[in-house]
Amino acid sequence: MPRKIVDYQSLRKLLDISVVEIATAVGVTVPYLEKHPKSEKIQQELKKIFRIYETLSKFGNKDISVWLRKPNEDYEGKSLLEIILAGKAESVGGYIDEMNKGALS
């Protein structure tokens, strides 16, 4: 079964973020990201971020990038995008999963 590759350029455009921001979010430098976009480490992190985008699109939110930029009380006023860009996409993914279950307001 072929593994799905997440294109970092497409993902960054969906989220309206820069190459520097997507590289920071996956924990690598821009040159490394550009040279090794299909590496297991990078793909693992990109998939976490893409899963967040996919889940939010199922909610019917048409402007996901704006929603991700809003301050969030549950993260001490930081936006979910700030948390993702700090390399904590897994935390945001769990938070959104809980929202999806209706556990958060």
N, C-alpha and C. Protein backbone atom coordinates (compact mmCIF):
# COMPACT_ATOMS: atom_id res chain seq x y z
N MET A 1 0.84 -1.17 0.00
CA MET A 1 0.00 0.00 0.00
C MET A 1 0.90 1.25 0.00
N PRO A 2 0.75 2.13 -0.98
CA PRO A 2 1.60 3.31 -1.02
C PRO A 2 1.24 4.28 0.11
N ARG A 3 2.27 4.91 0.65
CA ARG A 3 1.99 5.86 1.72
C ARG A 3 1.70 7.24 1.14
N LYS A 4 0.79 7.93 1.77
CA LYS A 4 0.39 9.24 1.30
C LYS A 4 1.46 10.27 1.70
N ILE A 5 1.87 11.07 0.73
CA ILE A 5 2.86 12.12 0.98
C ILE A 5 2.13 13.45 1.11
N VAL A 6 2.42 14.19 2.17
CA VAL A 6 1.84 15.52 2.36
C VAL A 6 2.81 16.53 1.75
N ASP A 7 2.33 17.31 0.82
CA ASP A 7 3.14 18.35 0.18
C ASP A 7 3.16 19.58 1.07
N TYR A 8 4.35 19.93 1.56
CA TYR A 8 4.43 21.05 2.50
C TYR A 8 4.02 22.37 1.87
N GLN A 9 4.26 22.54 0.57
CA GLN A 9 3.87 23.79 -0.09
C GLN A 9 2.34 23.92 -0.13
N SER A 10 1.67 22.85 -0.45
CA SER A 10 0.20 22.89 -0.47
C SER A 10 -0.36 23.13 0.92
N LEU A 11 0.21 22.46 1.92
CA LEU A 11 -0.26 22.61 3.29
C LEU A 11 -0.05 24.03 3.79
N ARG A 12 1.10 24.61 3.51
CA ARG A 12 1.35 25.97 3.99
C ARG A 12 0.42 26.97 3.33
N LYS A 13 0.06 26.70 2.06
CA LYS A 13 -0.89 27.59 1.38
C LYS A 13 -2.29 27.45 1.98
N LEU A 14 -2.68 26.23 2.31
CA LEU A 14 -3.99 26.01 2.95
C LEU A 14 -4.09 26.77 4.27
N LEU A 15 -2.98 26.80 5.00
CA LEU A 15 -2.98 27.44 6.32
C LEU A 15 -2.54 28.90 6.25
N ASP A 16 -2.14 29.34 5.07
CA ASP A 16 -1.67 30.71 4.87
C ASP A 16 -0.49 31.04 5.79
N ILE A 17 0.52 30.16 5.74
CA ILE A 17 1.74 30.38 6.52
C ILE A 17 2.95 30.31 5.59
N SER A 18 4.07 30.81 6.06
CA SER A 18 5.29 30.85 5.25
C SER A 18 6.04 29.52 5.29
N VAL A 19 7.01 29.39 4.40
CA VAL A 19 7.87 28.20 4.40
C VAL A 19 8.65 28.14 5.71
N VAL A 20 9.10 29.29 6.19
CA VAL A 20 9.83 29.33 7.46
C VAL A 20 8.95 28.79 8.59
N GLU A 21 7.68 29.19 8.60
CA GLU A 21 6.77 28.73 9.66
C GLU A 21 6.52 27.23 9.57
N ILE A 22 6.33 26.71 8.38
CA ILE A 22 6.07 25.27 8.26
C ILE A 22 7.32 24.48 8.65
N ALA A 23 8.50 24.99 8.28
CA ALA A 23 9.75 24.33 8.66
C ALA A 23 9.90 24.32 10.18
N THR A 24 9.62 25.45 10.81
CA THR A 24 9.68 25.55 12.27
C THR A 24 8.71 24.58 12.92
N ALA A 25 7.51 24.49 12.38
CA ALA A 25 6.49 23.60 12.94
C ALA A 25 6.91 22.14 12.90
N VAL A 26 7.67 21.75 11.88
CA VAL A 26 8.10 20.35 11.79
C VAL A 26 9.49 20.14 12.39
N GLY A 27 10.10 21.23 12.88
CA GLY A 27 11.36 21.11 13.60
C GLY A 27 12.61 20.98 12.75
N VAL A 28 12.57 21.57 11.55
CA VAL A 28 13.74 21.53 10.68
C VAL A 28 14.00 22.92 10.10
N THR A 29 15.13 23.07 9.43
CA THR A 29 15.43 24.32 8.74
C THR A 29 14.76 24.32 7.37
N VAL A 30 14.63 25.50 6.80
CA VAL A 30 14.03 25.59 5.46
C VAL A 30 14.85 24.80 4.44
N PRO A 31 16.19 24.95 4.41
CA PRO A 31 16.95 24.16 3.42
C PRO A 31 16.74 22.65 3.59
N TYR A 32 16.68 22.19 4.84
CA TYR A 32 16.46 20.76 5.06
C TYR A 32 15.08 20.34 4.57
N LEU A 33 14.07 21.15 4.88
CA LEU A 33 12.71 20.86 4.43
C LEU A 33 12.65 20.79 2.91
N GLU A 34 13.28 21.75 2.26
CA GLU A 34 13.25 21.80 0.79
C GLU A 34 14.00 20.63 0.17
N LYS A 35 15.06 20.18 0.83
CA LYS A 35 15.87 19.09 0.29
C LYS A 35 15.28 17.70 0.60
N HIS A 36 14.60 17.59 1.74
CA HIS A 36 14.10 16.28 2.19
C HIS A 36 12.61 16.31 2.55
N PRO A 37 11.76 16.83 1.69
CA PRO A 37 10.34 16.96 2.06
C PRO A 37 9.62 15.63 2.28
N LYS A 38 10.19 14.56 1.78
CA LYS A 38 9.53 13.25 1.92
C LYS A 38 10.15 12.39 3.02
N SER A 39 11.08 12.98 3.80
CA SER A 39 11.70 12.20 4.87
C SER A 39 10.64 11.78 5.88
N GLU A 40 10.88 10.67 6.53
CA GLU A 40 9.91 10.13 7.48
C GLU A 40 9.60 11.12 8.60
N LYS A 41 10.64 11.75 9.14
CA LYS A 41 10.47 12.72 10.24
C LYS A 41 9.58 13.88 9.80
N ILE A 42 9.87 14.45 8.65
CA ILE A 42 9.09 15.59 8.15
C ILE A 42 7.67 15.16 7.84
N GLN A 43 7.51 14.05 7.17
CA GLN A 43 6.18 13.59 6.81
C GLN A 43 5.33 13.29 8.04
N GLN A 44 5.95 12.73 9.06
CA GLN A 44 5.22 12.43 10.29
C GLN A 44 4.63 13.72 10.88
N GLU A 45 5.41 14.78 10.91
CA GLU A 45 4.93 16.06 11.46
C GLU A 45 3.93 16.74 10.53
N LEU A 46 4.19 16.70 9.23
CA LEU A 46 3.26 17.30 8.27
C LEU A 46 1.89 16.62 8.34
N LYS A 47 1.90 15.32 8.53
CA LYS A 47 0.63 14.57 8.61
C LYS A 47 -0.17 14.98 9.84
N LYS A 48 0.51 15.27 10.95
CA LYS A 48 -0.19 15.74 12.15
C LYS A 48 -0.89 17.06 11.86
N ILE A 49 -0.18 17.95 11.17
CA ILE A 49 -0.74 19.27 10.85
C ILE A 49 -1.87 19.13 9.84
N PHE A 50 -1.66 18.29 8.84
CA PHE A 50 -2.70 18.10 7.82
C PHE A 50 -3.97 17.50 8.43
N ARG A 51 -3.79 16.59 9.38
CA ARG A 51 -4.94 15.98 10.04
C ARG A 51 -5.77 17.04 10.77
N ILE A 52 -5.10 18.02 11.36
CA ILE A 52 -5.81 19.13 12.01
C ILE A 52 -6.65 19.87 10.97
N TYR A 53 -6.02 20.17 9.84
CA TYR A 53 -6.74 20.89 8.77
C TYR A 53 -7.94 20.07 8.30
N GLU A 54 -7.73 18.79 8.07
CA GLU A 54 -8.82 17.91 7.60
C GLU A 54 -9.98 17.86 8.60
N THR A 55 -9.64 17.71 9.86
CA THR A 55 -10.67 17.63 10.89
C THR A 55 -11.47 18.93 10.96
N LEU A 56 -10.77 20.06 10.91
CA LEU A 56 -11.46 21.35 10.96
C LEU A 56 -12.33 21.57 9.73
N SER A 57 -11.89 21.07 8.57
CA SER A 57 -12.72 21.25 7.37
C SER A 57 -14.00 20.45 7.46
N LYS A 58 -13.99 19.37 8.22
CA LYS A 58 -15.22 18.58 8.41
C LYS A 58 -16.24 19.34 9.25
N PHE A 59 -15.77 20.28 10.07
CA PHE A 59 -16.67 21.11 10.86
C PHE A 59 -17.40 22.12 9.98
N GLY A 60 -16.96 22.27 8.74
CA GLY A 60 -17.59 23.24 7.85
C GLY A 60 -17.01 24.63 7.96
N ASN A 61 -15.90 24.76 8.70
CA ASN A 61 -15.25 26.06 8.85
C ASN A 61 -14.54 26.40 7.54
N LYS A 62 -15.01 27.42 6.86
CA LYS A 62 -14.46 27.75 5.55
C LYS A 62 -13.14 28.51 5.65
N ASP A 63 -12.91 29.25 6.73
CA ASP A 63 -11.68 30.01 6.86
C ASP A 63 -10.87 29.49 8.05
N ILE A 64 -10.32 28.33 7.85
CA ILE A 64 -9.60 27.63 8.91
C ILE A 64 -8.40 28.43 9.39
N SER A 65 -7.68 29.06 8.46
CA SER A 65 -6.48 29.80 8.87
C SER A 65 -6.82 30.95 9.81
N VAL A 66 -7.95 31.62 9.59
CA VAL A 66 -8.38 32.70 10.49
C VAL A 66 -8.76 32.12 11.85
N TRP A 67 -9.51 31.03 11.86
CA TRP A 67 -9.93 30.39 13.11
C TRP A 67 -8.71 29.95 13.93
N LEU A 68 -7.70 29.39 13.25
CA LEU A 68 -6.49 28.93 13.95
C LEU A 68 -5.70 30.08 14.56
N ARG A 69 -5.89 31.29 14.05
CA ARG A 69 -5.16 32.46 14.53
C ARG A 69 -5.83 33.18 15.71
N LYS A 70 -7.04 32.80 16.02
CA LYS A 70 -7.76 33.45 17.13
C LYS A 70 -7.15 33.03 18.46
N PRO A 71 -7.05 33.97 19.41
CA PRO A 71 -6.57 33.61 20.75
C PRO A 71 -7.48 32.54 21.36
N ASN A 72 -6.86 31.61 22.07
CA ASN A 72 -7.61 30.49 22.64
C ASN A 72 -7.40 30.45 24.15
N GLU A 73 -8.48 30.55 24.89
CA GLU A 73 -8.41 30.53 26.37
C GLU A 73 -7.73 29.28 26.91
N ASP A 74 -7.98 28.16 26.27
CA ASP A 74 -7.42 26.90 26.76
C ASP A 74 -5.91 26.81 26.58
N TYR A 75 -5.34 27.71 25.81
CA TYR A 75 -3.89 27.77 25.61
C TYR A 75 -3.35 29.12 26.06
N GLU A 76 -3.91 29.63 27.16
CA GLU A 76 -3.46 30.88 27.78
C GLU A 76 -3.44 32.04 26.80
N GLY A 77 -4.44 32.10 25.94
CA GLY A 77 -4.56 33.21 25.00
C GLY A 77 -3.76 33.05 23.72
N LYS A 78 -2.95 32.01 23.65
CA LYS A 78 -2.20 31.76 22.40
C LYS A 78 -3.15 31.16 21.38
N SER A 79 -2.85 31.40 20.13
CA SER A 79 -3.67 30.80 19.07
C SER A 79 -3.25 29.35 18.87
N LEU A 80 -4.15 28.56 18.31
CA LEU A 80 -3.81 27.17 18.01
C LEU A 80 -2.67 27.11 16.99
N LEU A 81 -2.64 28.08 16.08
CA LEU A 81 -1.55 28.11 15.10
C LEU A 81 -0.21 28.34 15.79
N GLU A 82 -0.17 29.21 16.80
CA GLU A 82 1.07 29.42 17.56
C GLU A 82 1.54 28.12 18.18
N ILE A 83 0.61 27.35 18.70
CA ILE A 83 0.95 26.07 19.33
C ILE A 83 1.49 25.09 18.28
N ILE A 84 0.83 25.05 17.13
CA ILE A 84 1.29 24.19 16.03
C ILE A 84 2.69 24.59 15.61
N LEU A 85 2.92 25.90 15.44
CA LEU A 85 4.21 26.40 14.98
C LEU A 85 5.31 26.20 16.01
N ALA A 86 4.92 25.98 17.26
CA ALA A 86 5.89 25.67 18.31
C ALA A 86 6.24 24.18 18.32
N GLY A 87 5.75 23.45 17.31
CA GLY A 87 6.06 22.03 17.21
C GLY A 87 5.14 21.14 18.02
N LYS A 88 3.98 21.67 18.40
CA LYS A 88 3.06 20.90 19.25
C LYS A 88 1.75 20.60 18.54
N ALA A 89 1.85 20.18 17.29
CA ALA A 89 0.66 19.85 16.51
C ALA A 89 -0.13 18.71 17.14
N GLU A 90 0.57 17.80 17.78
CA GLU A 90 -0.12 16.66 18.41
C GLU A 90 -1.06 17.14 19.52
N SER A 91 -0.62 18.13 20.28
CA SER A 91 -1.46 18.70 21.33
C SER A 91 -2.71 19.34 20.74
N VAL A 92 -2.53 20.10 19.67
CA VAL A 92 -3.67 20.75 19.01
C VAL A 92 -4.59 19.70 18.40
N GLY A 93 -4.01 18.66 17.83
CA GLY A 93 -4.82 17.58 17.26
C GLY A 93 -5.70 16.94 18.31
N GLY A 94 -5.14 16.70 19.50
CA GLY A 94 -5.92 16.13 20.60
C GLY A 94 -7.02 17.07 21.06
N TYR A 95 -6.69 18.34 21.12
CA TYR A 95 -7.67 19.37 21.52
C TYR A 95 -8.84 19.39 20.53
N ILE A 96 -8.52 19.36 19.25
CA ILE A 96 -9.57 19.39 18.22
C ILE A 96 -10.38 18.10 18.23
N ASP A 97 -9.72 16.98 18.50
CA ASP A 97 -10.47 15.71 18.64
C ASP A 97 -11.49 15.82 19.77
N GLU A 98 -11.08 16.42 20.89
CA GLU A 98 -12.00 16.60 22.02
C GLU A 98 -13.15 17.53 21.64
N MET A 99 -12.84 18.59 20.88
CA MET A 99 -13.89 19.49 20.39
C MET A 99 -14.88 18.70 19.54
N ASN A 100 -14.33 17.86 18.69
CA ASN A 100 -15.14 17.06 17.78
C ASN A 100 -16.10 16.15 18.56
N LYS A 101 -15.64 15.68 19.71
CA LYS A 101 -16.48 14.82 20.56
C LYS A 101 -17.48 15.64 21.37
N GLY A 102 -17.32 16.96 21.32
CA GLY A 102 -18.24 17.82 22.07
C GLY A 102 -17.83 18.05 23.51
N ALA A 103 -16.59 17.67 23.84
CA ALA A 103 -16.13 17.81 25.22
C ALA A 103 -15.75 19.26 25.55
N LEU A 104 -15.44 20.05 24.52
CA LEU A 104 -15.05 21.44 24.75
C LEU A 104 -16.11 22.37 24.18
N SER A 105 -16.23 23.52 24.78
CA SER A 105 -17.22 24.49 24.26
C SER A 105 -16.56 25.48 23.32
